[in-house]
């Protein structure tokens, strides 16, 4: 756990650094449960894959396993305060000597997926966004201000994010002149990536989604190697 500057104050988060000591920077945004061990593990997995990953704590230390309490915490989240923490996390990440990319990637899950889209519309230091089944009724990103391409990873049986909403999201992003590729995994539910929830976790879908995420970030974050420059 670390602390970092955030709009004249400070915020906390979990930082994972690759064994090499340096890699492209990724901000990881939590589900509605809070900054729980699963999100920290996702950061560790990014580090094992060669990325430097930071997950800001949007709930200031609060976390829960109760869906009812998680819903209340999500709805009580102050979006303007969350925006400051998102900006602070991106800015701090990009100042670290452990980061090799000129801009950051942002990936979020559930509530964090929608916040990842939002972050990409308010911070020009975001180069690429991955949205895992994002939802938050109070977060309405302005896709005309979207910085960089979007990869959306959703579930066919998701009652929280029906297919109509998924397809509308892709339509809205493309209508704004931005790039968006969306994959809807068949016969899986919301939170299929969360391996701490056996009732919804899908190893097959999660593995494929993880591979897509890594390829997407490597394509859009890693600077070209010398000798491979165009022209």
C-alpha atoms as a PDB file:
ATOM      1  CA  UNK A   1       0.000   0.000   0.000  1.00  0.00           C
ATOM      2  CA  UNK A   2       1.196   3.506  -0.819  1.00  0.00           C
ATOM      3  CA  UNK A   3      -0.065   7.079  -0.510  1.00  0.00           C
ATOM      4  CA  UNK A   4      -0.023   9.607  -3.334  1.00  0.00           C
ATOM      5  CA  UNK A   5      -0.992  13.279  -3.814  1.00  0.00           C
ATOM      6  CA  UNK A   6      -4.599  13.925  -4.800  1.00  0.00           C
ATOM      7  CA  UNK A   7      -5.917  17.451  -5.367  1.00  0.00           C
ATOM      8  CA  UNK A   8      -3.975  19.036  -2.525  1.00  0.00           C
ATOM      9  CA  UNK A   9      -4.623  16.112  -0.201  1.00  0.00           C
ATOM     10  CA  UNK A  10      -3.552  12.478  -0.308  1.00  0.00           C
ATOM     11  CA  UNK A  11      -5.057   9.158  -1.283  1.00  0.00           C
ATOM     12  CA  UNK A  12      -3.984   5.574  -0.850  1.00  0.00           C
ATOM     13  CA  UNK A  13      -3.654   2.644  -3.197  1.00  0.00           C
ATOM     14  CA  UNK A  14      -1.987  -0.669  -3.909  1.00  0.00           C
ATOM     15  CA  UNK A  15       1.093  -0.658  -6.143  1.00  0.00           C
ATOM     16  CA  UNK A  16       2.621  -3.682  -7.870  1.00  0.00           C
ATOM     17  CA  UNK A  17       5.894  -3.457  -9.813  1.00  0.00           C
ATOM     18  CA  UNK A  18       7.280  -6.054 -12.240  1.00  0.00           C
ATOM     19  CA  UNK A  19      10.371  -8.033 -11.355  1.00  0.00           C
ATOM     20  CA  UNK A  20      12.309  -6.100 -13.993  1.00  0.00           C
ATOM     21  CA  UNK A  21      11.554  -2.921 -12.024  1.00  0.00           C
ATOM     22  CA  UNK A  22       9.861  -1.143 -14.914  1.00  0.00           C
ATOM     23  CA  UNK A  23       6.910  -1.583 -17.254  1.00  0.00           C
ATOM     24  CA  UNK A  24       3.936   0.156 -18.894  1.00  0.00           C
ATOM     25  CA  UNK A  25       1.648   1.806 -16.362  1.00  0.00           C
ATOM     26  CA  UNK A  26      -1.884   0.580 -15.658  1.00  0.00           C
ATOM     27  CA  UNK A  27      -4.455   1.934 -13.192  1.00  0.00           C
ATOM     28  CA  UNK A  28      -6.779  -0.780 -11.851  1.00  0.00           C
ATOM     29  CA  UNK A  29     -10.217   0.318 -10.617  1.00  0.00           C
ATOM     30  CA  UNK A  30     -12.113  -1.654  -7.997  1.00  0.00           C
ATOM     31  CA  UNK A  31     -15.512  -3.314  -8.013  1.00  0.00           C
ATOM     32  CA  UNK A  32     -18.183  -2.043  -5.647  1.00  0.00           C
ATOM     33  CA  UNK A  33     -16.743  -4.204  -2.849  1.00  0.00           C
ATOM     34  CA  UNK A  34     -13.800  -1.854  -2.352  1.00  0.00           C
ATOM     35  CA  UNK A  35     -10.053  -2.328  -2.654  1.00  0.00           C
ATOM     36  CA  UNK A  36     -10.240  -6.016  -1.728  1.00  0.00           C
ATOM     37  CA  UNK A  37      -7.650  -8.772  -2.124  1.00  0.00           C
ATOM     38  CA  UNK A  38      -9.001  -9.715  -5.561  1.00  0.00           C
ATOM     39  CA  UNK A  39      -8.137  -6.277  -6.961  1.00  0.00           C
ATOM     40  CA  UNK A  40      -4.707  -6.390  -5.337  1.00  0.00           C
ATOM     41  CA  UNK A  41      -4.202  -9.802  -6.932  1.00  0.00           C
ATOM     42  CA  UNK A  42      -5.121  -8.339 -10.335  1.00  0.00           C
ATOM     43  CA  UNK A  43      -2.377  -5.735  -9.806  1.00  0.00           C
ATOM     44  CA  UNK A  44       0.065  -8.520  -8.921  1.00  0.00           C
ATOM     45  CA  UNK A  45      -0.927 -10.377 -12.081  1.00  0.00           C
ATOM     46  CA  UNK A  46      -0.253  -7.278 -14.159  1.00  0.00           C
ATOM     47  CA  UNK A  47       3.162  -6.976 -12.504  1.00  0.00           C
ATOM     48  CA  UNK A  48       3.902 -10.631 -13.285  1.00  0.00           C
ATOM     49  CA  UNK A  49       3.038  -9.828 -16.924  1.00  0.00           C
ATOM     50  CA  UNK A  50       5.502  -6.928 -16.981  1.00  0.00           C
ATOM     51  CA  UNK A  51       3.288  -3.945 -16.095  1.00  0.00           C
ATOM     52  CA  UNK A  52       3.430  -1.476 -13.219  1.00  0.00           C
ATOM     53  CA  UNK A  53      -0.076  -1.407 -11.740  1.00  0.00           C
ATOM     54  CA  UNK A  54      -1.718   0.951  -9.234  1.00  0.00           C
ATOM     55  CA  UNK A  55      -5.182   0.441  -7.725  1.00  0.00           C
ATOM     56  CA  UNK A  56      -6.418   3.591  -5.950  1.00  0.00           C
ATOM     57  CA  UNK A  57      -8.644   3.080  -2.905  1.00  0.00           C
ATOM     58  CA  UNK A  58     -11.839   4.899  -3.887  1.00  0.00           C
ATOM     59  CA  UNK A  59     -13.562   4.052  -0.581  1.00  0.00           C
ATOM     60  CA  UNK A  60     -10.778   5.299   1.733  1.00  0.00           C
ATOM     61  CA  UNK A  61     -10.242   1.998   3.457  1.00  0.00           C
ATOM     62  CA  UNK A  62     -13.821   0.727   3.462  1.00  0.00           C
ATOM     63  CA  UNK A  63     -14.585  -2.686   2.009  1.00  0.00           C
ATOM     64  CA  UNK A  64     -17.363  -5.235   2.337  1.00  0.00           C
ATOM     65  CA  UNK A  65     -18.550  -8.689   1.328  1.00  0.00           C
ATOM     66  CA  UNK A  66     -22.230  -7.745   1.620  1.00  0.00           C
ATOM     67  CA  UNK A  67     -23.962  -6.943  -1.688  1.00  0.00           C
ATOM     68  CA  UNK A  68     -26.401  -4.623   0.080  1.00  0.00           C
ATOM     69  CA  UNK A  69     -23.613  -2.682   1.759  1.00  0.00           C
ATOM     70  CA  UNK A  70     -21.560  -2.633  -1.440  1.00  0.00           C
ATOM     71  CA  UNK A  71     -24.519  -1.161  -3.312  1.00  0.00           C
ATOM     72  CA  UNK A  72     -24.888   1.561  -0.704  1.00  0.00           C
ATOM     73  CA  UNK A  73     -21.180   2.357  -0.820  1.00  0.00           C
ATOM     74  CA  UNK A  74     -21.230   2.563  -4.606  1.00  0.00           C
ATOM     75  CA  UNK A  75     -24.245   4.889  -4.633  1.00  0.00           C
ATOM     76  CA  UNK A  76     -22.689   7.048  -1.907  1.00  0.00           C
ATOM     77  CA  UNK A  77     -19.465   7.479  -3.864  1.00  0.00           C
ATOM     78  CA  UNK A  78     -18.829  11.160  -4.544  1.00  0.00           C
ATOM     79  CA  UNK A  79     -18.029  11.182  -8.263  1.00  0.00           C
ATOM     80  CA  UNK A  80     -16.166  14.496  -8.181  1.00  0.00           C
ATOM     81  CA  UNK A  81     -13.994  13.207  -5.329  1.00  0.00           C
ATOM     82  CA  UNK A  82     -13.480   9.931  -7.189  1.00  0.00           C
ATOM     83  CA  UNK A  83     -12.381  11.904 -10.257  1.00  0.00           C
ATOM     84  CA  UNK A  84      -9.707  13.650  -8.183  1.00  0.00           C
ATOM     85  CA  UNK A  85      -8.413  10.304  -6.944  1.00  0.00           C
ATOM     86  CA  UNK A  86      -8.411   8.917 -10.484  1.00  0.00           C
ATOM     87  CA  UNK A  87      -6.429  11.899 -11.755  1.00  0.00           C
ATOM     88  CA  UNK A  88      -4.073  11.675  -8.796  1.00  0.00           C
ATOM     89  CA  UNK A  89      -3.505   7.973  -9.383  1.00  0.00           C
ATOM     90  CA  UNK A  90      -2.727   8.470 -13.079  1.00  0.00           C
ATOM     91  CA  UNK A  91      -0.439  11.427 -12.376  1.00  0.00           C
ATOM     92  CA  UNK A  92       1.410   9.576  -9.630  1.00  0.00           C
ATOM     93  CA  UNK A  93       1.797   6.471 -11.742  1.00  0.00           C
ATOM     94  CA  UNK A  94       3.218   8.420 -14.663  1.00  0.00           C
ATOM     95  CA  UNK A  95       5.802  10.088 -12.407  1.00  0.00           C
ATOM     96  CA  UNK A  96       7.176   6.777 -11.153  1.00  0.00           C
ATOM     97  CA  UNK A  97      10.540   5.627 -12.475  1.00  0.00           C
ATOM     98  CA  UNK A  98       8.967   2.147 -12.607  1.00  0.00           C
ATOM     99  CA  UNK A  99       6.756   3.192 -15.550  1.00  0.00           C
ATOM    100  CA  UNK A 100       8.022   2.932 -19.127  1.00  0.00           C
ATOM    101  CA  UNK A 101       4.952   4.026 -21.094  1.00  0.00           C
ATOM    102  CA  UNK A 102       4.338   7.682 -22.057  1.00  0.00           C
ATOM    103  CA  UNK A 103       0.693   7.367 -20.977  1.00  0.00           C
ATOM    104  CA  UNK A 104      -1.340   5.043 -18.774  1.00  0.00           C
ATOM    105  CA  UNK A 105      -3.890   2.346 -19.373  1.00  0.00           C
ATOM    106  CA  UNK A 106      -6.974   2.108 -17.174  1.00  0.00           C
ATOM    107  CA  UNK A 107      -8.921  -1.069 -16.459  1.00  0.00           C
ATOM    108  CA  UNK A 108     -11.932  -1.407 -14.201  1.00  0.00           C
ATOM    109  CA  UNK A 109     -14.401  -4.033 -13.064  1.00  0.00           C
ATOM    110  CA  UNK A 110     -18.131  -3.535 -12.449  1.00  0.00           C
ATOM    111  CA  UNK A 111     -18.326  -0.045 -10.898  1.00  0.00           C
ATOM    112  CA  UNK A 112     -14.672   0.403 -11.814  1.00  0.00           C
ATOM    113  CA  UNK A 113     -15.374  -0.423 -15.449  1.00  0.00           C
ATOM    114  CA  UNK A 114     -17.670   2.572 -15.803  1.00  0.00           C
ATOM    115  CA  UNK A 115     -15.209   4.723 -13.860  1.00  0.00           C
ATOM    116  CA  UNK A 116     -12.444   3.599 -16.217  1.00  0.00           C
ATOM    117  CA  UNK A 117     -14.454   4.962 -19.141  1.00  0.00           C
ATOM    118  CA  UNK A 118     -15.009   8.147 -17.190  1.00  0.00           C
ATOM    119  CA  UNK A 119     -11.305   8.495 -16.389  1.00  0.00           C
ATOM    120  CA  UNK A 120     -10.482   8.226 -20.079  1.00  0.00           C
ATOM    121  CA  UNK A 121     -12.761  11.202 -20.810  1.00  0.00           C
ATOM    122  CA  UNK A 122     -11.296  13.529 -18.166  1.00  0.00           C
ATOM    123  CA  UNK A 123      -7.578  12.707 -18.250  1.00  0.00           C
ATOM    124  CA  UNK A 124      -5.532  13.036 -21.428  1.00  0.00           C
ATOM    125  CA  UNK A 125      -2.800  10.892 -19.869  1.00  0.00           C
ATOM    126  CA  UNK A 126      -4.991   7.821 -20.405  1.00  0.00           C
ATOM    127  CA  UNK A 127      -4.082   6.096 -23.663  1.00  0.00           C
ATOM    128  CA  UNK A 128      -6.257   2.962 -23.551  1.00  0.00           C
ATOM    129  CA  UNK A 129      -9.212   1.680 -21.524  1.00  0.00           C
ATOM    130  CA  UNK A 130     -10.505  -1.784 -20.677  1.00  0.00           C
ATOM    131  CA  UNK A 131     -14.044  -2.010 -19.303  1.00  0.00           C
ATOM    132  CA  UNK A 132     -15.022  -5.261 -17.586  1.00  0.00           C
ATOM    133  CA  UNK A 133     -18.843  -5.262 -17.374  1.00  0.00           C
ATOM    134  CA  UNK A 134     -18.935  -1.645 -16.214  1.00  0.00           C
ATOM    135  CA  UNK A 135     -21.974  -0.147 -14.522  1.00  0.00           C
ATOM    136  CA  UNK A 136     -22.731   2.913 -12.381  1.00  0.00           C
ATOM    137  CA  UNK A 137     -26.004   4.843 -12.759  1.00  0.00           C
ATOM    138  CA  UNK A 138     -24.439   8.171 -11.750  1.00  0.00           C
ATOM    139  CA  UNK A 139     -21.436   8.039 -14.076  1.00  0.00           C
ATOM    140  CA  UNK A 140     -22.164   9.357 -17.576  1.00  0.00           C
ATOM    141  CA  UNK A 141     -18.915   9.729 -19.561  1.00  0.00           C
ATOM    142  CA  UNK A 142     -18.755  12.247 -22.409  1.00  0.00           C
ATOM    143  CA  UNK A 143     -17.431   9.974 -25.127  1.00  0.00           C
ATOM    144  CA  UNK A 144     -16.570  12.907 -27.385  1.00  0.00           C
ATOM    145  CA  UNK A 145     -13.688  13.530 -24.954  1.00  0.00           C
ATOM    146  CA  UNK A 146     -12.542   9.917 -24.843  1.00  0.00           C
ATOM    147  CA  UNK A 147      -8.761   9.550 -25.047  1.00  0.00           C
ATOM    148  CA  UNK A 148      -7.668   6.395 -26.788  1.00  0.00           C
ATOM    149  CA  UNK A 149      -9.404   3.148 -27.773  1.00  0.00           C
ATOM    150  CA  UNK A 150     -11.735   1.075 -25.612  1.00  0.00           C
ATOM    151  CA  UNK A 151     -11.929  -2.683 -25.119  1.00  0.00           C
ATOM    152  CA  UNK A 152     -15.191  -3.842 -23.535  1.00  0.00           C
ATOM    153  CA  UNK A 153     -15.545  -7.299 -21.978  1.00  0.00           C
ATOM    154  CA  UNK A 154     -19.082  -8.304 -21.017  1.00  0.00           C
ATOM    155  CA  UNK A 155     -21.244 -11.289 -20.134  1.00  0.00           C
ATOM    156  CA  UNK A 156     -24.235 -12.642 -22.045  1.00  0.00           C
ATOM    157  CA  UNK A 157     -26.217 -13.466 -18.880  1.00  0.00           C
ATOM    158  CA  UNK A 158     -25.457 -10.217 -17.054  1.00  0.00           C
ATOM    159  CA  UNK A 159     -28.683  -8.918 -15.535  1.00  0.00           C
ATOM    160  CA  UNK A 160     -26.951  -5.710 -14.428  1.00  0.00           C
ATOM    161  CA  UNK A 161     -25.721  -4.863 -17.925  1.00  0.00           C
ATOM    162  CA  UNK A 162     -28.113  -6.323 -20.529  1.00  0.00           C
ATOM    163  CA  UNK A 163     -26.972  -6.848 -24.093  1.00  0.00           C
ATOM    164  CA  UNK A 164     -29.022  -3.878 -25.292  1.00  0.00           C
ATOM    165  CA  UNK A 165     -27.011  -1.603 -22.999  1.00  0.00           C
ATOM    166  CA  UNK A 166     -23.741  -3.173 -24.135  1.00  0.00           C
ATOM    167  CA  UNK A 167     -24.499  -2.655 -27.810  1.00  0.00           C
ATOM    168  CA  UNK A 168     -25.698   0.880 -27.104  1.00  0.00           C
ATOM    169  CA  UNK A 169     -22.411   1.625 -25.354  1.00  0.00           C
ATOM    170  CA  UNK A 170     -20.459   0.521 -28.403  1.00  0.00           C
ATOM    171  CA  UNK A 171     -22.768   2.512 -30.683  1.00  0.00           C
ATOM    172  CA  UNK A 172     -22.390   5.660 -28.581  1.00  0.00           C
ATOM    173  CA  UNK A 173     -18.609   5.444 -28.469  1.00  0.00           C
ATOM    174  CA  UNK A 174     -18.337   4.880 -32.201  1.00  0.00           C
ATOM    175  CA  UNK A 175     -20.857   7.656 -32.890  1.00  0.00           C
ATOM    176  CA  UNK A 176     -18.463   9.984 -31.048  1.00  0.00           C
ATOM    177  CA  UNK A 177     -15.775   9.020 -33.565  1.00  0.00           C
ATOM    178  CA  UNK A 178     -13.846   6.828 -31.140  1.00  0.00           C
ATOM    179  CA  UNK A 179     -12.604   3.241 -31.329  1.00  0.00           C
ATOM    180  CA  UNK A 180     -14.420   0.541 -29.362  1.00  0.00           C
ATOM    181  CA  UNK A 181     -14.240  -3.238 -29.613  1.00  0.00           C
ATOM    182  CA  UNK A 182     -16.612  -5.257 -27.448  1.00  0.00           C
ATOM    183  CA  UNK A 183     -16.698  -8.979 -26.680  1.00  0.00           C
ATOM    184  CA  UNK A 184     -19.732 -10.599 -25.052  1.00  0.00           C
ATOM    185  CA  UNK A 185     -18.887 -13.952 -23.506  1.00  0.00           C
ATOM    186  CA  UNK A 186     -21.676 -16.523 -23.944  1.00  0.00           C
ATOM    187  CA  UNK A 187     -23.303 -18.344 -21.049  1.00  0.00           C
ATOM    188  CA  UNK A 188     -21.490 -16.406 -18.297  1.00  0.00           C
ATOM    189  CA  UNK A 189     -22.633 -13.931 -15.660  1.00  0.00           C
ATOM    190  CA  UNK A 190     -21.605 -10.547 -14.319  1.00  0.00           C
ATOM    191  CA  UNK A 191     -18.225 -10.686 -12.546  1.00  0.00           C
ATOM    192  CA  UNK A 192     -17.093 -13.759 -14.494  1.00  0.00           C
ATOM    193  CA  UNK A 193     -13.499 -12.582 -14.031  1.00  0.00           C
ATOM    194  CA  UNK A 194     -13.594 -12.611 -10.230  1.00  0.00           C
ATOM    195  CA  UNK A 195     -12.044 -15.912  -9.170  1.00  0.00           C
ATOM    196  CA  UNK A 196     -12.978 -15.307  -5.527  1.00  0.00           C
ATOM    197  CA  UNK A 197     -16.663 -15.742  -6.435  1.00  0.00           C
ATOM    198  CA  UNK A 198     -17.085 -19.376  -7.559  1.00  0.00           C
ATOM    199  CA  UNK A 199     -20.809 -18.976  -8.295  1.00  0.00           C
ATOM    200  CA  UNK A 200     -20.076 -16.599 -11.213  1.00  0.00           C
ATOM    201  CA  UNK A 201     -16.408 -17.152 -12.064  1.00  0.00           C
ATOM    202  CA  UNK A 202     -15.702 -18.638 -15.493  1.00  0.00           C
ATOM    203  CA  UNK A 203     -12.130 -19.826 -15.943  1.00  0.00           C
ATOM    204  CA  UNK A 204     -12.493 -20.047 -19.730  1.00  0.00           C
ATOM    205  CA  UNK A 205     -13.958 -16.560 -20.182  1.00  0.00           C
ATOM    206  CA  UNK A 206     -11.641 -15.018 -17.589  1.00  0.00           C
ATOM    207  CA  UNK A 207      -8.545 -16.497 -19.234  1.00  0.00           C
ATOM    208  CA  UNK A 208      -9.552 -15.244 -22.668  1.00  0.00           C
ATOM    209  CA  UNK A 209     -10.460 -11.794 -21.302  1.00  0.00           C
ATOM    210  CA  UNK A 210      -7.119 -11.546 -19.514  1.00  0.00           C
ATOM    211  CA  UNK A 211      -5.213 -12.444 -22.684  1.00  0.00           C
ATOM    212  CA  UNK A 212      -7.176  -9.824 -24.641  1.00  0.00           C
ATOM    213  CA  UNK A 213      -6.465  -7.225 -21.965  1.00  0.00           C
ATOM    214  CA  UNK A 214      -2.726  -7.864 -21.976  1.00  0.00           C
ATOM    215  CA  UNK A 215      -2.542  -7.770 -25.782  1.00  0.00           C
ATOM    216  CA  UNK A 216      -4.589  -4.580 -25.882  1.00  0.00           C
ATOM    217  CA  UNK A 217      -2.416  -2.758 -23.362  1.00  0.00           C
ATOM    218  CA  UNK A 218       0.820  -3.981 -24.923  1.00  0.00           C
ATOM    219  CA  UNK A 219      -0.339  -2.698 -28.292  1.00  0.00           C
ATOM    220  CA  UNK A 220      -1.373   0.727 -27.060  1.00  0.00           C
ATOM    221  CA  UNK A 221       0.994   1.414 -24.153  1.00  0.00           C
ATOM    222  CA  UNK A 222       4.372  -0.065 -24.947  1.00  0.00           C
ATOM    223  CA  UNK A 223       6.587   2.382 -26.823  1.00  0.00           C
ATOM    224  CA  UNK A 224       8.043   1.074 -30.108  1.00  0.00           C
ATOM    225  CA  UNK A 225      11.484  -0.449 -29.833  1.00  0.00           C
ATOM    226  CA  UNK A 226      14.423   1.306 -31.445  1.00  0.00           C
ATOM    227  CA  UNK A 227      14.924   0.058 -34.951  1.00  0.00           C
ATOM    228  CA  UNK A 228      11.182  -0.594 -35.321  1.00  0.00           C
ATOM    229  CA  UNK A 229      10.180   3.042 -35.698  1.00  0.00           C
ATOM    230  CA  UNK A 230       7.989   3.759 -38.740  1.00  0.00           C
ATOM    231  CA  UNK A 231       9.642   5.507 -41.651  1.00  0.00           C
END
